């Protein structure tokens, strides 16, 4: 009978963790961009090979709509090409104009920043965000870049609910495979107590 030492157990745990990380990296890096972008004659006519296809955009949107229905929310979804054109858009019933427009604004901001709108909002203080309003940026979570094989093929923006980012993420994971984890905001500092007089 072999006696397991703490060093042996640590080595096994390290090996298993490294194997899992390597498997995730292999899956993430071998997504196969040609499955998700415009190809063939369509690519020749559009003169691009790195733009999300309408079929892929529709599939991502459908997963997001299913997520919304399951969570009893209503959303608007916009998928943009790298040039900023709408590839696919859908709005669920009962949304107000602002709830629809914010989906588009988030997709545009994710495209401009090449980052999630959540990460961009965390990156700038309020003064920095206000400055960037002049650049038509909308720093509210719900916009994500769509990246396959390290190439930006489009962006997605979801508006209308308190779960917009999770909705967009669900669509990307279901259709494209593993994605980088969502941004986690740092904890906010507690508000200062008012001075007593």
N, C-alpha and C. Protein backbone atom coordinates (compact mmCIF):
# COMPACT_ATOMS: atom_id res chain seq x y z
N UNK A 1 0.84 -1.18 0.00
CA UNK A 1 0.00 0.00 0.00
C UNK A 1 0.89 1.24 0.00
N UNK A 2 0.60 2.18 -0.91
CA UNK A 2 1.40 3.39 -1.04
C UNK A 2 0.83 4.48 -0.15
N UNK A 3 1.72 5.14 0.54
CA UNK A 3 1.29 6.23 1.42
C UNK A 3 1.37 7.55 0.65
N UNK A 4 0.24 8.28 0.59
CA UNK A 4 0.23 9.57 -0.11
C UNK A 4 0.74 10.65 0.81
N UNK A 5 1.66 11.43 0.32
CA UNK A 5 2.20 12.56 1.09
C UNK A 5 1.50 13.84 0.64
N UNK A 6 1.55 14.89 1.47
CA UNK A 6 0.96 16.17 1.04
C UNK A 6 1.58 16.68 -0.25
N UNK A 7 2.87 16.45 -0.45
CA UNK A 7 3.54 16.88 -1.67
C UNK A 7 2.99 16.14 -2.88
N UNK A 8 2.74 14.84 -2.72
CA UNK A 8 2.17 14.04 -3.81
C UNK A 8 0.78 14.55 -4.17
N UNK A 9 -0.06 14.78 -3.15
CA UNK A 9 -1.42 15.27 -3.40
C UNK A 9 -1.40 16.64 -4.07
N UNK A 10 -0.48 17.51 -3.65
CA UNK A 10 -0.35 18.83 -4.27
C UNK A 10 0.06 18.70 -5.73
N UNK A 11 0.95 17.77 -6.01
CA UNK A 11 1.39 17.54 -7.39
C UNK A 11 0.25 17.06 -8.26
N UNK A 12 -0.58 16.15 -7.73
CA UNK A 12 -1.72 15.63 -8.49
C UNK A 12 -2.72 16.75 -8.76
N UNK A 13 -3.01 17.56 -7.74
CA UNK A 13 -3.95 18.67 -7.91
C UNK A 13 -3.41 19.66 -8.94
N UNK A 14 -2.13 19.97 -8.86
CA UNK A 14 -1.52 20.90 -9.82
C UNK A 14 -1.62 20.33 -11.23
N UNK A 15 -1.32 19.03 -11.39
CA UNK A 15 -1.39 18.39 -12.70
C UNK A 15 -2.80 18.46 -13.27
N UNK A 16 -3.81 18.15 -12.45
CA UNK A 16 -5.19 18.18 -12.91
C UNK A 16 -5.62 19.60 -13.29
N UNK A 17 -5.22 20.58 -12.49
CA UNK A 17 -5.56 21.98 -12.79
C UNK A 17 -4.90 22.42 -14.09
N UNK A 18 -3.63 22.04 -14.28
CA UNK A 18 -2.92 22.41 -15.52
C UNK A 18 -3.57 21.75 -16.73
N UNK A 19 -3.99 20.50 -16.58
CA UNK A 19 -4.64 19.79 -17.69
C UNK A 19 -5.96 20.45 -18.05
N UNK A 20 -6.74 20.84 -17.04
CA UNK A 20 -8.02 21.51 -17.30
C UNK A 20 -7.81 22.85 -17.98
N UNK A 21 -6.80 23.61 -17.53
CA UNK A 21 -6.49 24.91 -18.14
C UNK A 21 -6.05 24.74 -19.59
N UNK A 22 -5.22 23.72 -19.85
CA UNK A 22 -4.76 23.47 -21.22
C UNK A 22 -5.92 23.08 -22.12
N UNK A 23 -6.86 22.29 -21.60
CA UNK A 23 -8.03 21.91 -22.38
C UNK A 23 -8.89 23.12 -22.72
N UNK A 24 -9.11 24.01 -21.74
CA UNK A 24 -9.88 25.23 -21.98
C UNK A 24 -9.17 26.09 -23.02
N UNK A 25 -7.85 26.25 -22.89
CA UNK A 25 -7.09 27.08 -23.83
C UNK A 25 -7.17 26.49 -25.23
N UNK A 26 -7.07 25.17 -25.34
CA UNK A 26 -7.14 24.52 -26.65
C UNK A 26 -8.51 24.73 -27.29
N UNK A 27 -9.57 24.60 -26.48
CA UNK A 27 -10.92 24.81 -27.01
C UNK A 27 -11.13 26.26 -27.42
N UNK A 28 -10.64 27.18 -26.59
CA UNK A 28 -10.85 28.59 -26.87
C UNK A 28 -10.04 29.05 -28.07
N UNK A 29 -8.82 28.52 -28.24
CA UNK A 29 -7.98 28.99 -29.31
C UNK A 29 -8.26 28.29 -30.63
N UNK A 30 -9.00 27.23 -30.62
CA UNK A 30 -9.27 26.50 -31.85
C UNK A 30 -10.76 26.55 -32.20
N UNK A 31 -11.35 27.72 -32.09
CA UNK A 31 -12.77 27.84 -32.36
C UNK A 31 -13.07 27.66 -33.84
N UNK A 32 -12.14 27.99 -34.71
CA UNK A 32 -12.37 27.87 -36.14
C UNK A 32 -13.17 29.04 -36.68
N UNK A 33 -12.51 30.14 -36.90
CA UNK A 33 -13.18 31.38 -37.30
C UNK A 33 -14.04 31.21 -38.55
N UNK A 34 -13.64 30.31 -39.47
CA UNK A 34 -14.38 30.15 -40.72
C UNK A 34 -15.82 29.68 -40.50
N UNK A 35 -16.12 29.11 -39.32
CA UNK A 35 -17.49 28.65 -39.03
C UNK A 35 -18.43 29.81 -38.70
N UNK A 36 -17.87 30.97 -38.35
CA UNK A 36 -18.68 32.05 -37.81
C UNK A 36 -18.68 33.34 -38.64
N UNK A 37 -17.90 33.37 -39.71
CA UNK A 37 -17.77 34.60 -40.50
C UNK A 37 -18.30 34.40 -41.92
N UNK A 38 -18.42 35.50 -42.63
CA UNK A 38 -18.83 35.49 -44.02
C UNK A 38 -17.75 34.77 -44.82
N UNK A 39 -18.15 33.83 -45.69
CA UNK A 39 -17.18 33.07 -46.48
C UNK A 39 -17.63 32.97 -47.93
N UNK A 40 -16.78 32.39 -48.77
CA UNK A 40 -17.12 32.11 -50.16
C UNK A 40 -17.47 33.35 -50.95
N UNK A 41 -18.50 33.23 -51.77
CA UNK A 41 -18.91 34.34 -52.64
C UNK A 41 -19.35 35.55 -51.84
N UNK A 42 -20.00 35.31 -50.69
CA UNK A 42 -20.44 36.44 -49.86
C UNK A 42 -19.25 37.25 -49.38
N UNK A 43 -18.17 36.57 -48.98
CA UNK A 43 -16.96 37.27 -48.53
C UNK A 43 -16.31 38.01 -49.69
N UNK A 44 -16.34 37.40 -50.86
CA UNK A 44 -15.75 38.03 -52.04
C UNK A 44 -16.50 39.32 -52.39
N UNK A 45 -17.84 39.28 -52.35
CA UNK A 45 -18.63 40.46 -52.67
C UNK A 45 -18.48 41.55 -51.61
N UNK A 46 -18.45 41.13 -50.34
CA UNK A 46 -18.31 42.11 -49.26
C UNK A 46 -16.87 42.56 -49.07
N UNK A 47 -15.93 41.84 -49.69
CA UNK A 47 -14.49 42.11 -49.58
C UNK A 47 -14.00 42.05 -48.14
N UNK A 48 -14.50 41.07 -47.41
CA UNK A 48 -14.04 40.85 -46.04
C UNK A 48 -14.18 39.38 -45.69
N UNK A 49 -13.28 38.91 -44.84
CA UNK A 49 -13.35 37.53 -44.35
C UNK A 49 -13.41 37.48 -42.83
N UNK A 50 -13.59 38.63 -42.22
CA UNK A 50 -13.57 38.66 -40.75
C UNK A 50 -14.83 39.29 -40.17
N UNK A 51 -15.93 39.20 -40.90
CA UNK A 51 -17.19 39.77 -40.44
C UNK A 51 -18.14 38.66 -40.03
N UNK A 52 -18.76 38.81 -38.88
CA UNK A 52 -19.71 37.81 -38.39
C UNK A 52 -20.79 37.55 -39.43
N UNK A 53 -21.14 36.30 -39.63
CA UNK A 53 -22.18 35.96 -40.61
C UNK A 53 -23.56 36.23 -40.02
N UNK A 54 -24.52 36.46 -40.90
CA UNK A 54 -25.90 36.69 -40.46
C UNK A 54 -26.44 35.47 -39.71
N UNK A 55 -26.05 34.28 -40.16
CA UNK A 55 -26.51 33.05 -39.51
C UNK A 55 -25.99 32.97 -38.07
N UNK A 56 -24.71 33.25 -37.88
CA UNK A 56 -24.13 33.23 -36.53
C UNK A 56 -24.78 34.29 -35.65
N UNK A 57 -24.98 35.49 -36.19
CA UNK A 57 -25.60 36.57 -35.42
C UNK A 57 -27.02 36.19 -35.00
N UNK A 58 -27.76 35.56 -35.90
CA UNK A 58 -29.14 35.14 -35.58
C UNK A 58 -29.15 34.07 -34.50
N UNK A 59 -28.19 33.14 -34.56
CA UNK A 59 -28.12 32.08 -33.54
C UNK A 59 -27.80 32.67 -32.17
N UNK A 60 -26.85 33.59 -32.11
CA UNK A 60 -26.49 34.23 -30.84
C UNK A 60 -27.71 34.97 -30.28
N UNK A 61 -28.39 35.71 -31.16
CA UNK A 61 -29.58 36.45 -30.73
C UNK A 61 -30.65 35.52 -30.20
N UNK A 62 -30.88 34.40 -30.86
CA UNK A 62 -31.92 33.47 -30.42
C UNK A 62 -31.62 32.91 -29.04
N UNK A 63 -30.36 32.58 -28.77
CA UNK A 63 -30.01 32.10 -27.43
C UNK A 63 -30.29 33.18 -26.40
N UNK A 64 -29.96 34.43 -26.75
CA UNK A 64 -30.22 35.54 -25.83
C UNK A 64 -31.72 35.70 -25.58
N UNK A 65 -32.52 35.57 -26.62
CA UNK A 65 -33.97 35.68 -26.45
C UNK A 65 -34.51 34.54 -25.59
N UNK A 66 -33.97 33.34 -25.78
CA UNK A 66 -34.38 32.20 -24.95
C UNK A 66 -34.00 32.45 -23.49
N UNK A 67 -32.80 33.01 -23.27
CA UNK A 67 -32.34 33.35 -21.92
C UNK A 67 -33.31 34.36 -21.30
N UNK A 68 -33.70 35.36 -22.07
CA UNK A 68 -34.61 36.39 -21.56
C UNK A 68 -35.95 35.78 -21.18
N UNK A 69 -36.49 34.94 -22.05
CA UNK A 69 -37.78 34.31 -21.75
C UNK A 69 -37.70 33.45 -20.49
N UNK A 70 -36.61 32.71 -20.36
CA UNK A 70 -36.43 31.85 -19.19
C UNK A 70 -36.33 32.66 -17.90
N UNK A 71 -35.75 33.86 -17.99
CA UNK A 71 -35.56 34.71 -16.81
C UNK A 71 -36.64 35.78 -16.66
N UNK A 72 -37.71 35.66 -17.49
CA UNK A 72 -38.85 36.57 -17.39
C UNK A 72 -38.45 38.04 -17.54
N UNK A 73 -37.59 38.31 -18.52
CA UNK A 73 -37.19 39.68 -18.83
C UNK A 73 -37.44 39.92 -20.32
N UNK A 74 -37.43 41.17 -20.72
CA UNK A 74 -37.54 41.53 -22.13
C UNK A 74 -36.30 42.31 -22.52
N UNK A 75 -35.76 42.03 -23.71
CA UNK A 75 -34.52 42.67 -24.14
C UNK A 75 -34.58 43.06 -25.62
N UNK A 76 -33.68 43.97 -25.96
CA UNK A 76 -33.38 44.26 -27.36
C UNK A 76 -31.96 43.77 -27.59
N UNK A 77 -31.70 43.22 -28.79
CA UNK A 77 -30.38 42.66 -29.10
C UNK A 77 -29.92 43.23 -30.44
N UNK A 78 -28.69 43.72 -30.47
CA UNK A 78 -28.08 44.20 -31.70
C UNK A 78 -26.73 43.52 -31.87
N UNK A 79 -26.50 42.97 -33.05
CA UNK A 79 -25.20 42.41 -33.39
C UNK A 79 -24.66 43.25 -34.55
N UNK A 80 -23.46 43.79 -34.35
CA UNK A 80 -22.84 44.66 -35.35
C UNK A 80 -21.64 43.99 -35.99
N UNK A 81 -21.35 44.39 -37.21
CA UNK A 81 -20.13 43.95 -37.90
C UNK A 81 -18.96 44.79 -37.40
N UNK A 82 -17.72 44.42 -37.72
CA UNK A 82 -16.57 45.24 -37.33
C UNK A 82 -16.62 46.65 -37.92
N UNK A 83 -17.38 46.84 -38.99
CA UNK A 83 -17.53 48.18 -39.58
C UNK A 83 -18.63 48.98 -38.90
N UNK A 84 -19.36 48.37 -37.98
CA UNK A 84 -20.41 49.06 -37.25
C UNK A 84 -21.79 48.94 -37.86
N UNK A 85 -21.94 48.12 -38.88
CA UNK A 85 -23.25 47.92 -39.49
C UNK A 85 -24.05 46.86 -38.74
N UNK A 86 -25.36 47.01 -38.72
CA UNK A 86 -26.22 46.04 -38.05
C UNK A 86 -26.28 44.77 -38.90
N UNK A 87 -25.89 43.65 -38.29
CA UNK A 87 -25.97 42.36 -38.96
C UNK A 87 -27.29 41.69 -38.59
N UNK A 88 -27.69 41.84 -37.32
CA UNK A 88 -28.94 41.25 -36.86
C UNK A 88 -29.44 42.08 -35.68
N UNK A 89 -30.75 42.27 -35.61
CA UNK A 89 -31.34 43.00 -34.49
C UNK A 89 -32.72 42.43 -34.21
N UNK A 90 -33.08 42.45 -32.93
CA UNK A 90 -34.40 41.99 -32.52
C UNK A 90 -34.77 42.70 -31.23
N UNK A 91 -36.02 43.07 -31.15
CA UNK A 91 -36.51 43.61 -29.88
C UNK A 91 -37.74 42.82 -29.49
N UNK A 92 -37.82 42.51 -28.21
CA UNK A 92 -38.98 41.81 -27.69
C UNK A 92 -40.10 42.82 -27.45
N UNK A 93 -41.31 42.35 -27.32
CA UNK A 93 -42.45 43.23 -27.09
C UNK A 93 -42.34 43.89 -25.71
N UNK A 94 -43.01 45.00 -25.56
CA UNK A 94 -43.18 45.75 -24.30
C UNK A 94 -41.96 46.58 -23.89
N UNK A 95 -41.03 46.81 -24.80
CA UNK A 95 -39.88 47.65 -24.47
C UNK A 95 -40.16 49.10 -24.87
N UNK A 96 -39.63 50.01 -24.10
CA UNK A 96 -39.73 51.43 -24.44
C UNK A 96 -38.60 51.80 -25.40
N UNK A 97 -38.69 52.94 -26.08
CA UNK A 97 -37.63 53.31 -27.01
C UNK A 97 -36.23 53.32 -26.39
N UNK A 98 -36.09 53.80 -25.17
CA UNK A 98 -34.76 53.86 -24.55
C UNK A 98 -34.21 52.45 -24.31
N UNK A 99 -35.08 51.50 -23.98
CA UNK A 99 -34.63 50.13 -23.75
C UNK A 99 -34.16 49.48 -25.05
N UNK A 100 -34.70 49.91 -26.16
CA UNK A 100 -34.26 49.40 -27.45
C UNK A 100 -32.96 50.08 -27.86
N UNK A 101 -32.93 51.41 -27.77
CA UNK A 101 -31.75 52.16 -28.20
C UNK A 101 -30.50 51.78 -27.41
N UNK A 102 -30.65 51.49 -26.12
CA UNK A 102 -29.46 51.18 -25.32
C UNK A 102 -28.75 49.92 -25.81
N UNK A 103 -29.49 48.97 -26.35
CA UNK A 103 -28.85 47.79 -26.92
C UNK A 103 -27.90 48.17 -28.04
N UNK A 104 -28.35 49.06 -28.92
CA UNK A 104 -27.50 49.53 -30.02
C UNK A 104 -26.31 50.32 -29.49
N UNK A 105 -26.55 51.21 -28.52
CA UNK A 105 -25.46 52.02 -27.97
C UNK A 105 -24.38 51.14 -27.35
N UNK A 106 -24.80 50.09 -26.66
CA UNK A 106 -23.84 49.19 -26.02
C UNK A 106 -23.01 48.44 -27.06
N UNK A 107 -23.65 47.98 -28.12
CA UNK A 107 -22.90 47.29 -29.19
C UNK A 107 -21.90 48.25 -29.83
N UNK A 108 -22.30 49.50 -30.05
CA UNK A 108 -21.40 50.49 -30.65
C UNK A 108 -20.22 50.81 -29.72
N UNK A 109 -20.50 50.90 -28.42
CA UNK A 109 -19.43 51.20 -27.46
C UNK A 109 -18.45 50.03 -27.37
N UNK A 110 -18.95 48.80 -27.35
CA UNK A 110 -18.06 47.63 -27.31
C UNK A 110 -17.19 47.59 -28.57
N UNK A 111 -17.73 48.00 -29.70
CA UNK A 111 -16.96 48.04 -30.94
C UNK A 111 -15.88 49.11 -30.88
N UNK A 112 -16.24 50.27 -30.42
CA UNK A 112 -15.28 51.38 -30.34
C UNK A 112 -14.17 51.10 -29.34
N UNK A 113 -14.54 50.53 -28.19
CA UNK A 113 -13.57 50.30 -27.11
C UNK A 113 -12.83 48.97 -27.26
N UNK A 114 -13.37 48.05 -28.09
CA UNK A 114 -12.79 46.70 -28.23
C UNK A 114 -12.75 46.00 -26.88
N UNK A 115 -13.78 46.25 -26.08
CA UNK A 115 -13.88 45.68 -24.73
C UNK A 115 -15.34 45.69 -24.32
N UNK A 116 -15.66 44.95 -23.27
CA UNK A 116 -17.03 44.97 -22.77
C UNK A 116 -17.36 46.36 -22.22
N UNK A 117 -18.62 46.74 -22.33
CA UNK A 117 -19.02 48.04 -21.78
C UNK A 117 -18.88 48.05 -20.26
N UNK A 118 -19.02 46.90 -19.64
CA UNK A 118 -18.84 46.79 -18.19
C UNK A 118 -17.39 47.09 -17.82
N UNK A 119 -16.44 46.46 -18.54
CA UNK A 119 -15.02 46.70 -18.27
C UNK A 119 -14.67 48.16 -18.55
N UNK A 120 -15.24 48.72 -19.60
CA UNK A 120 -14.96 50.13 -19.93
C UNK A 120 -15.49 51.06 -18.84
N UNK A 121 -16.68 50.76 -18.32
CA UNK A 121 -17.25 51.58 -17.25
C UNK A 121 -16.38 51.53 -16.01
N UNK A 122 -15.84 50.34 -15.69
CA UNK A 122 -14.98 50.22 -14.52
C UNK A 122 -13.64 50.93 -14.71
N UNK A 123 -13.24 51.07 -15.97
CA UNK A 123 -11.92 51.64 -16.27
C UNK A 123 -11.87 53.15 -16.05
N UNK A 124 -13.00 53.83 -16.27
CA UNK A 124 -13.01 55.28 -16.18
C UNK A 124 -13.85 55.75 -15.00
N UNK A 125 -13.38 56.81 -14.34
CA UNK A 125 -14.20 57.41 -13.29
C UNK A 125 -15.32 58.21 -13.97
N UNK A 126 -16.18 58.79 -13.19
CA UNK A 126 -17.34 59.48 -13.77
C UNK A 126 -16.90 60.60 -14.70
N UNK A 127 -15.87 61.34 -14.34
CA UNK A 127 -15.40 62.43 -15.21
C UNK A 127 -14.92 61.88 -16.55
N UNK A 128 -14.22 60.74 -16.50
CA UNK A 128 -13.75 60.11 -17.73
C UNK A 128 -14.90 59.63 -18.59
N UNK A 129 -15.95 59.12 -17.96
CA UNK A 129 -17.11 58.65 -18.70
C UNK A 129 -17.84 59.82 -19.35
N UNK A 130 -17.98 60.91 -18.62
CA UNK A 130 -18.67 62.08 -19.16
C UNK A 130 -17.90 62.64 -20.35
N UNK A 131 -16.58 62.66 -20.25
CA UNK A 131 -15.75 63.13 -21.37
C UNK A 131 -16.01 62.29 -22.61
N UNK A 132 -16.15 60.99 -22.43
CA UNK A 132 -16.33 60.09 -23.56
C UNK A 132 -17.74 60.10 -24.12
N UNK A 133 -18.68 60.72 -23.44
CA UNK A 133 -20.02 60.87 -24.00
C UNK A 133 -19.94 61.66 -25.31
N UNK A 134 -18.98 62.57 -25.40
CA UNK A 134 -18.79 63.34 -26.63
C UNK A 134 -18.41 62.42 -27.78
N UNK A 135 -17.88 61.23 -27.47
CA UNK A 135 -17.53 60.24 -28.48
C UNK A 135 -18.65 59.23 -28.68
N UNK A 136 -19.83 59.55 -28.14
CA UNK A 136 -21.00 58.67 -28.24
C UNK A 136 -20.77 57.31 -27.60
N UNK A 137 -20.11 57.29 -26.47
CA UNK A 137 -19.89 56.05 -25.74
C UNK A 137 -20.95 55.89 -24.66
N UNK A 138 -21.36 54.64 -24.42
CA UNK A 138 -22.41 54.34 -23.44
C UNK A 138 -21.88 53.30 -22.48
N UNK A 139 -21.47 53.74 -21.29
CA UNK A 139 -20.78 52.89 -20.34
C UNK A 139 -21.75 52.22 -19.35
N UNK A 140 -22.52 51.28 -19.87
CA UNK A 140 -23.44 50.48 -19.06
C UNK A 140 -23.26 49.03 -19.52
N UNK A 141 -23.20 48.10 -18.58
CA UNK A 141 -22.95 46.71 -18.96
C UNK A 141 -24.03 46.18 -19.90
N UNK A 142 -23.61 45.29 -20.80
CA UNK A 142 -24.53 44.70 -21.77
C UNK A 142 -23.96 44.68 -23.18
N UNK A 143 -22.77 45.27 -23.37
CA UNK A 143 -22.11 45.25 -24.68
C UNK A 143 -20.85 44.42 -24.59
N UNK A 144 -20.68 43.47 -25.53
CA UNK A 144 -19.50 42.60 -25.53
C UNK A 144 -18.91 42.50 -26.93
N UNK A 145 -17.58 42.48 -27.02
CA UNK A 145 -16.96 42.20 -28.32
C UNK A 145 -17.16 40.73 -28.66
N UNK A 146 -17.25 40.40 -29.93
CA UNK A 146 -17.35 39.01 -30.38
C UNK A 146 -16.01 38.66 -31.00
N UNK A 147 -15.25 37.85 -30.30
CA UNK A 147 -13.88 37.54 -30.72
C UNK A 147 -13.75 36.04 -30.94
N UNK A 148 -13.22 35.68 -32.11
CA UNK A 148 -12.97 34.28 -32.45
C UNK A 148 -11.54 34.19 -32.98
N UNK A 149 -10.78 33.24 -32.45
CA UNK A 149 -9.38 33.07 -32.85
C UNK A 149 -8.62 34.39 -32.81
N UNK A 150 -8.83 35.14 -31.74
CA UNK A 150 -8.17 36.43 -31.51
C UNK A 150 -8.52 37.50 -32.53
N UNK A 151 -9.62 37.34 -33.24
CA UNK A 151 -10.06 38.33 -34.22
C UNK A 151 -11.44 38.85 -33.85
N UNK A 152 -11.59 40.18 -33.87
CA UNK A 152 -12.89 40.79 -33.62
C UNK A 152 -13.74 40.60 -34.87
N UNK A 153 -14.84 39.86 -34.75
CA UNK A 153 -15.72 39.63 -35.90
C UNK A 153 -17.02 40.40 -35.76
N UNK A 154 -17.22 41.07 -34.63
CA UNK A 154 -18.43 41.87 -34.41
C UNK A 154 -18.58 42.19 -32.94
N UNK A 155 -19.72 42.76 -32.60
CA UNK A 155 -20.06 43.03 -31.20
C UNK A 155 -21.54 42.75 -30.99
N UNK A 156 -21.90 42.56 -29.74
CA UNK A 156 -23.30 42.39 -29.37
C UNK A 156 -23.64 43.39 -28.27
N UNK A 157 -24.82 43.97 -28.38
CA UNK A 157 -25.32 44.86 -27.33
C UNK A 157 -26.73 44.44 -26.96
N UNK A 158 -26.98 44.35 -25.67
CA UNK A 158 -28.30 43.97 -25.18
C UNK A 158 -28.79 45.07 -24.25
N UNK A 159 -30.02 45.49 -24.44
CA UNK A 159 -30.62 46.52 -23.59
C UNK A 159 -31.99 46.08 -23.11
N UNK A 160 -32.47 46.75 -22.07
CA UNK A 160 -33.84 46.53 -21.64
C UNK A 160 -34.05 45.85 -20.31
N UNK A 161 -32.98 45.27 -19.72
CA UNK A 161 -33.20 44.53 -18.48
C UNK A 161 -32.05 44.76 -17.51
N UNK A 162 -32.12 44.08 -16.38
CA UNK A 162 -31.03 44.12 -15.41
C UNK A 162 -30.09 42.92 -15.56
N UNK A 163 -30.26 42.17 -16.65
CA UNK A 163 -29.42 40.99 -16.92
C UNK A 163 -28.86 41.03 -18.35
N UNK A 164 -28.66 42.22 -18.87
CA UNK A 164 -28.25 42.37 -20.27
C UNK A 164 -26.93 41.68 -20.57
N UNK A 165 -25.94 41.90 -19.72
CA UNK A 165 -24.62 41.31 -19.97
C UNK A 165 -24.67 39.78 -19.92
N UNK A 166 -25.38 39.24 -18.95
CA UNK A 166 -25.51 37.79 -18.83
C UNK A 166 -26.22 37.20 -20.05
N UNK A 167 -27.21 37.94 -20.57
CA UNK A 167 -27.95 37.51 -21.75
C UNK A 167 -27.02 37.43 -22.96
N UNK A 168 -26.25 38.48 -23.19
CA UNK A 168 -25.30 38.50 -24.31
C UNK A 168 -24.27 37.39 -24.16
N UNK A 169 -23.78 37.21 -22.96
CA UNK A 169 -22.75 36.20 -22.69
C UNK A 169 -23.29 34.79 -22.95
N UNK A 170 -24.52 34.55 -22.55
CA UNK A 170 -25.13 33.23 -22.79
C UNK A 170 -25.16 32.92 -24.28
N UNK A 171 -25.49 33.92 -25.09
CA UNK A 171 -25.52 33.72 -26.53
C UNK A 171 -24.15 33.40 -27.11
N UNK A 172 -23.13 34.13 -26.65
CA UNK A 172 -21.78 33.91 -27.17
C UNK A 172 -21.25 32.54 -26.78
N UNK A 173 -21.46 32.15 -25.54
CA UNK A 173 -20.96 30.84 -25.07
C UNK A 173 -21.66 29.70 -25.82
N UNK A 174 -22.97 29.81 -25.96
CA UNK A 174 -23.72 28.72 -26.60
C UNK A 174 -23.34 28.54 -28.06
N UNK A 175 -23.07 29.62 -28.77
CA UNK A 175 -22.81 29.54 -30.20
C UNK A 175 -21.32 29.43 -30.52
N UNK A 176 -20.48 30.19 -29.82
CA UNK A 176 -19.05 30.25 -30.14
C UNK A 176 -18.18 29.36 -29.27
N UNK A 177 -18.70 28.93 -28.13
CA UNK A 177 -17.89 28.13 -27.22
C UNK A 177 -17.37 28.98 -26.07
N UNK A 178 -16.39 28.47 -25.32
CA UNK A 178 -15.90 29.16 -24.13
C UNK A 178 -15.48 30.60 -24.43
N UNK A 179 -15.83 31.48 -23.51
CA UNK A 179 -15.51 32.91 -23.62
C UNK A 179 -14.74 33.35 -22.38
N UNK A 180 -14.00 34.46 -22.49
CA UNK A 180 -13.35 34.99 -21.28
C UNK A 180 -14.42 35.30 -20.22
N UNK A 181 -14.07 35.17 -18.96
CA UNK A 181 -15.09 35.46 -17.93
C UNK A 181 -15.55 36.91 -17.98
N UNK A 182 -16.77 37.12 -17.52
CA UNK A 182 -17.31 38.48 -17.47
C UNK A 182 -16.54 39.31 -16.45
N UNK A 183 -16.57 40.61 -16.65
CA UNK A 183 -15.91 41.54 -15.73
C UNK A 183 -16.63 41.53 -14.38
N UNK A 184 -15.86 41.53 -13.33
CA UNK A 184 -16.40 41.65 -11.98
C UNK A 184 -15.96 43.01 -11.46
N UNK A 185 -16.92 43.85 -11.14
CA UNK A 185 -16.59 45.20 -10.66
C UNK A 185 -15.95 45.15 -9.29
N UNK A 186 -14.97 46.03 -9.05
CA UNK A 186 -14.40 46.09 -7.70
C UNK A 186 -15.46 46.60 -6.73
N UNK A 187 -15.35 46.20 -5.47
CA UNK A 187 -16.35 46.68 -4.51
C UNK A 187 -16.31 48.20 -4.38
N UNK A 188 -17.47 48.78 -4.24
CA UNK A 188 -17.54 50.23 -4.08
C UNK A 188 -17.17 50.62 -2.65
N UNK A 189 -16.51 51.75 -2.56
CA UNK A 189 -16.17 52.27 -1.23
C UNK A 189 -17.45 52.74 -0.56
N UNK A 190 -17.56 52.49 0.74
CA UNK A 190 -18.79 52.95 1.41
C UNK A 190 -18.88 54.47 1.37
N UNK A 191 -20.10 54.96 1.28
CA UNK A 191 -20.31 56.41 1.25
C UNK A 191 -19.87 57.02 2.58
N UNK A 192 -19.25 58.17 2.48
CA UNK A 192 -18.81 58.86 3.70
C UNK A 192 -20.02 59.32 4.49
N UNK A 193 -19.91 59.19 5.80
CA UNK A 193 -20.99 59.63 6.67
C UNK A 193 -21.05 61.16 6.65
N UNK A 194 -22.25 61.71 6.67
CA UNK A 194 -22.36 63.20 6.68
C UNK A 194 -21.75 63.78 7.96
N UNK A 195 -21.11 64.90 7.79
CA UNK A 195 -20.47 65.56 8.96
C UNK A 195 -21.56 66.03 9.92
N UNK A 196 -21.29 65.78 11.19
CA UNK A 196 -22.25 66.21 12.21
C UNK A 196 -21.93 67.62 12.63
N UNK A 197 -22.97 68.37 12.89
CA UNK A 197 -22.76 69.76 13.28
C UNK A 197 -23.04 69.98 14.72
